[in-house]
């Protein structure tokens, strides 16, 4: 039969081991959550960069269209009224 001191030592040892296991599992959960949050933030930032680039392309395309319209000169009126 173990002595009271040995019984307390076993109890403390079990409590520390159990606590370490739970802390390890919690750390794994937190680490996974941090990783997932970082991934989502990165994905959101990528979306913003892509939207900004699409906006720049759209503005360039619009400016080209305006320049082409300006280069073409005024549109001649149809004196007979055809095409309207």
N, C-alpha and C. Protein backbone atom coordinates (compact mmCIF):
# COMPACT_ATOMS: atom_id res chain seq x y z
N UNK A 1 0.85 -1.16 0.00
CA UNK A 1 0.00 0.00 0.00
C UNK A 1 0.90 1.24 0.00
N UNK A 2 0.60 2.20 -0.92
CA UNK A 2 1.45 3.39 -1.00
C UNK A 2 1.22 4.31 0.20
N UNK A 3 2.25 5.03 0.52
CA UNK A 3 2.15 5.97 1.64
C UNK A 3 1.35 7.20 1.21
N UNK A 4 0.85 7.99 2.17
CA UNK A 4 0.11 9.19 1.81
C UNK A 4 0.94 10.15 0.96
N UNK A 5 2.24 10.26 1.20
CA UNK A 5 3.11 11.13 0.42
C UNK A 5 3.17 10.66 -1.03
N UNK A 6 3.33 9.35 -1.20
CA UNK A 6 3.39 8.79 -2.56
C UNK A 6 2.05 8.97 -3.27
N UNK A 7 0.94 8.84 -2.56
CA UNK A 7 -0.38 9.03 -3.14
C UNK A 7 -0.54 10.47 -3.61
N UNK A 8 -0.09 11.45 -2.78
CA UNK A 8 -0.17 12.86 -3.20
C UNK A 8 0.71 13.13 -4.42
N UNK A 9 1.90 12.53 -4.43
CA UNK A 9 2.81 12.69 -5.56
C UNK A 9 2.15 12.16 -6.82
N UNK A 10 1.52 11.01 -6.76
CA UNK A 10 0.84 10.43 -7.91
C UNK A 10 -0.31 11.32 -8.38
N UNK A 11 -1.06 11.90 -7.41
CA UNK A 11 -2.17 12.79 -7.74
C UNK A 11 -1.65 14.03 -8.45
N UNK A 12 -0.59 14.65 -7.91
CA UNK A 12 -0.01 15.84 -8.53
C UNK A 12 0.51 15.50 -9.93
N UNK A 13 1.17 14.37 -10.05
CA UNK A 13 1.71 13.96 -11.35
C UNK A 13 0.59 13.79 -12.37
N UNK A 14 -0.47 13.12 -12.00
CA UNK A 14 -1.61 12.93 -12.91
C UNK A 14 -2.24 14.27 -13.29
N UNK A 15 -2.37 15.18 -12.30
CA UNK A 15 -2.97 16.49 -12.57
C UNK A 15 -2.09 17.28 -13.54
N UNK A 16 -0.78 17.26 -13.35
CA UNK A 16 0.13 17.99 -14.24
C UNK A 16 0.09 17.39 -15.64
N UNK A 17 0.12 16.07 -15.74
CA UNK A 17 0.06 15.42 -17.05
C UNK A 17 -1.25 15.75 -17.77
N UNK A 18 -2.35 15.69 -17.04
CA UNK A 18 -3.65 15.99 -17.63
C UNK A 18 -3.70 17.45 -18.08
N UNK A 19 -3.22 18.35 -17.21
CA UNK A 19 -3.19 19.77 -17.57
C UNK A 19 -2.34 20.02 -18.80
N UNK A 20 -1.18 19.38 -18.88
CA UNK A 20 -0.31 19.56 -20.04
C UNK A 20 -0.98 19.06 -21.31
N UNK A 21 -1.68 17.94 -21.23
CA UNK A 21 -2.39 17.41 -22.39
C UNK A 21 -3.47 18.38 -22.86
N UNK A 22 -4.24 18.90 -21.91
CA UNK A 22 -5.31 19.84 -22.28
C UNK A 22 -4.75 21.13 -22.85
N UNK A 23 -3.69 21.65 -22.24
CA UNK A 23 -3.06 22.87 -22.75
C UNK A 23 -2.54 22.62 -24.17
N UNK A 24 -1.97 21.46 -24.39
CA UNK A 24 -1.48 21.12 -25.74
C UNK A 24 -2.60 21.09 -26.76
N UNK A 25 -3.73 20.48 -26.39
CA UNK A 25 -4.87 20.45 -27.31
C UNK A 25 -5.43 21.85 -27.57
N UNK A 26 -5.51 22.65 -26.51
CA UNK A 26 -6.01 24.02 -26.67
C UNK A 26 -5.05 24.81 -27.57
N UNK A 27 -3.75 24.64 -27.36
CA UNK A 27 -2.77 25.34 -28.20
C UNK A 27 -2.92 24.94 -29.66
N UNK A 28 -3.19 23.67 -29.91
CA UNK A 28 -3.40 23.21 -31.29
C UNK A 28 -4.64 23.87 -31.89
N UNK A 29 -5.70 23.96 -31.10
CA UNK A 29 -6.93 24.62 -31.58
C UNK A 29 -6.65 26.09 -31.89
N UNK A 30 -5.98 26.78 -30.97
CA UNK A 30 -5.68 28.20 -31.17
C UNK A 30 -4.76 28.39 -32.38
N UNK A 31 -3.75 27.54 -32.50
CA UNK A 31 -2.84 27.64 -33.64
C UNK A 31 -3.59 27.46 -34.95
N UNK A 32 -4.48 26.50 -35.00
CA UNK A 32 -5.29 26.29 -36.20
C UNK A 32 -6.18 27.48 -36.50
N UNK A 33 -6.76 28.05 -35.46
CA UNK A 33 -7.63 29.22 -35.65
C UNK A 33 -6.83 30.41 -36.16
N UNK A 34 -5.65 30.64 -35.60
CA UNK A 34 -4.81 31.74 -36.07
C UNK A 34 -4.42 31.53 -37.52
N UNK A 35 -4.06 30.31 -37.87
CA UNK A 35 -3.71 29.98 -39.25
C UNK A 35 -4.89 30.26 -40.19
N UNK A 36 -6.08 29.83 -39.80
CA UNK A 36 -7.27 30.03 -40.63
C UNK A 36 -7.60 31.52 -40.79
N UNK A 37 -7.47 32.28 -39.71
CA UNK A 37 -7.72 33.72 -39.78
C UNK A 37 -6.70 34.39 -40.70
N UNK A 38 -5.43 34.02 -40.56
CA UNK A 38 -4.40 34.59 -41.43
C UNK A 38 -4.67 34.27 -42.89
N UNK A 39 -5.11 33.06 -43.16
CA UNK A 39 -5.44 32.65 -44.54
C UNK A 39 -6.59 33.49 -45.09
N UNK A 40 -7.63 33.71 -44.29
CA UNK A 40 -8.77 34.50 -44.73
C UNK A 40 -8.39 35.96 -44.96
N UNK A 41 -7.57 36.51 -44.09
CA UNK A 41 -7.12 37.90 -44.28
C UNK A 41 -6.30 38.01 -45.56
N UNK A 42 -5.43 37.04 -45.79
CA UNK A 42 -4.64 37.04 -47.02
C UNK A 42 -5.50 36.92 -48.25
N UNK A 43 -6.50 36.09 -48.20
CA UNK A 43 -7.42 35.92 -49.32
C UNK A 43 -8.19 37.22 -49.58
N UNK A 44 -8.62 37.88 -48.52
CA UNK A 44 -9.33 39.15 -48.65
C UNK A 44 -8.43 40.21 -49.27
N UNK A 45 -7.18 40.27 -48.81
CA UNK A 45 -6.23 41.23 -49.37
C UNK A 45 -6.00 40.96 -50.85
N UNK A 46 -5.89 39.69 -51.23
CA UNK A 46 -5.73 39.34 -52.65
C UNK A 46 -6.93 39.82 -53.45
N UNK A 47 -8.12 39.62 -52.93
CA UNK A 47 -9.33 40.12 -53.61
C UNK A 47 -9.27 41.62 -53.81
N UNK A 48 -8.82 42.36 -52.79
CA UNK A 48 -8.74 43.81 -52.91
C UNK A 48 -7.72 44.22 -53.97
N UNK A 49 -6.58 43.54 -54.03
CA UNK A 49 -5.58 43.84 -55.06
C UNK A 49 -6.15 43.58 -56.45
N UNK A 50 -6.87 42.48 -56.59
CA UNK A 50 -7.45 42.14 -57.89
C UNK A 50 -8.52 43.16 -58.29
N UNK A 51 -9.33 43.61 -57.33
CA UNK A 51 -10.34 44.63 -57.62
C UNK A 51 -9.69 45.94 -58.04
N UNK A 52 -8.62 46.32 -57.35
CA UNK A 52 -7.92 47.56 -57.69
C UNK A 52 -7.34 47.47 -59.11
N UNK A 53 -6.74 46.34 -59.45
CA UNK A 53 -6.17 46.17 -60.79
C UNK A 53 -7.28 46.19 -61.85
N UNK A 54 -8.41 45.56 -61.57
CA UNK A 54 -9.53 45.58 -62.51
C UNK A 54 -10.03 47.01 -62.71
N UNK A 55 -10.08 47.78 -61.65
CA UNK A 55 -10.51 49.18 -61.75
C UNK A 55 -9.53 49.96 -62.62
N UNK A 56 -8.23 49.75 -62.43
CA UNK A 56 -7.23 50.44 -63.25
C UNK A 56 -7.37 50.07 -64.73
N UNK A 57 -7.58 48.78 -65.01
CA UNK A 57 -7.77 48.36 -66.40
C UNK A 57 -9.01 49.01 -67.00
N UNK A 58 -10.09 49.05 -66.23
CA UNK A 58 -11.33 49.65 -66.72
C UNK A 58 -11.13 51.14 -67.01
N UNK A 59 -10.41 51.84 -66.15
CA UNK A 59 -10.15 53.26 -66.38
C UNK A 59 -9.28 53.47 -67.62
N UNK A 60 -8.26 52.62 -67.80
CA UNK A 60 -7.42 52.72 -69.00
C UNK A 60 -8.23 52.47 -70.26
N UNK A 61 -9.08 51.44 -70.22
CA UNK A 61 -9.93 51.13 -71.38
C UNK A 61 -10.86 52.30 -71.69
N UNK A 62 -11.43 52.88 -70.65
CA UNK A 62 -12.34 54.02 -70.85
C UNK A 62 -11.58 55.20 -71.45
N UNK A 63 -10.38 55.48 -70.95
CA UNK A 63 -9.59 56.59 -71.48
C UNK A 63 -9.23 56.35 -72.95
N UNK A 64 -8.93 55.10 -73.30
CA UNK A 64 -8.63 54.78 -74.71
C UNK A 64 -9.86 55.03 -75.59
N UNK A 65 -11.02 54.62 -75.09
CA UNK A 65 -12.26 54.84 -75.86
C UNK A 65 -12.52 56.32 -76.05
N UNK A 66 -12.31 57.10 -75.01
CA UNK A 66 -12.51 58.55 -75.10
C UNK A 66 -11.52 59.14 -76.10
N UNK A 67 -10.26 58.70 -76.04
CA UNK A 67 -9.25 59.19 -76.97
C UNK A 67 -9.61 58.81 -78.41
N UNK A 68 -10.08 57.58 -78.63
CA UNK A 68 -10.46 57.15 -79.98
C UNK A 68 -11.63 57.96 -80.49
N UNK A 69 -12.60 58.25 -79.63
CA UNK A 69 -13.75 59.06 -80.02
C UNK A 69 -13.30 60.47 -80.38
N UNK A 70 -12.36 61.02 -79.62
CA UNK A 70 -11.88 62.37 -79.88
C UNK A 70 -11.10 62.41 -81.19
N UNK A 71 -10.32 61.37 -81.47
CA UNK A 71 -9.54 61.29 -82.71
C UNK A 71 -10.43 61.13 -83.93
N UNK A 72 -11.58 60.52 -83.79
CA UNK A 72 -12.46 60.26 -84.93
C UNK A 72 -13.14 61.53 -85.40
N UNK A 73 -13.18 62.54 -84.58
CA UNK A 73 -13.83 63.78 -84.98
C UNK A 73 -15.32 63.70 -84.79
N UNK A 74 -16.02 64.76 -85.18
CA UNK A 74 -17.48 64.77 -84.98
C UNK A 74 -18.16 63.76 -85.90
N UNK A 75 -19.26 63.26 -85.44
CA UNK A 75 -20.04 62.30 -86.22
C UNK A 75 -20.90 63.09 -87.20
N UNK A 76 -20.82 62.70 -88.49
CA UNK A 76 -21.59 63.41 -89.53
C UNK A 76 -23.07 63.10 -89.37
N UNK A 77 -23.88 64.14 -89.54
CA UNK A 77 -25.32 63.97 -89.48
C UNK A 77 -25.79 63.35 -90.79
N UNK A 78 -26.79 62.54 -90.71
CA UNK A 78 -27.40 61.95 -91.91
C UNK A 78 -28.46 62.94 -92.39
N UNK A 79 -28.20 63.61 -93.53
CA UNK A 79 -29.13 64.64 -93.97
C UNK A 79 -30.52 64.13 -94.30
N UNK A 80 -30.61 62.88 -94.69
CA UNK A 80 -31.92 62.34 -95.09
C UNK A 80 -32.66 61.80 -93.86
N UNK A 81 -31.93 61.50 -92.81
CA UNK A 81 -32.57 60.98 -91.59
C UNK A 81 -32.63 59.47 -91.55
N UNK A 82 -31.89 58.79 -92.44
CA UNK A 82 -31.83 57.34 -92.40
C UNK A 82 -31.03 56.88 -91.21
N UNK A 83 -31.31 55.74 -90.76
CA UNK A 83 -30.54 55.14 -89.68
C UNK A 83 -31.01 55.57 -88.30
N UNK A 84 -32.09 56.30 -88.24
CA UNK A 84 -32.58 56.72 -86.92
C UNK A 84 -33.91 56.13 -86.65
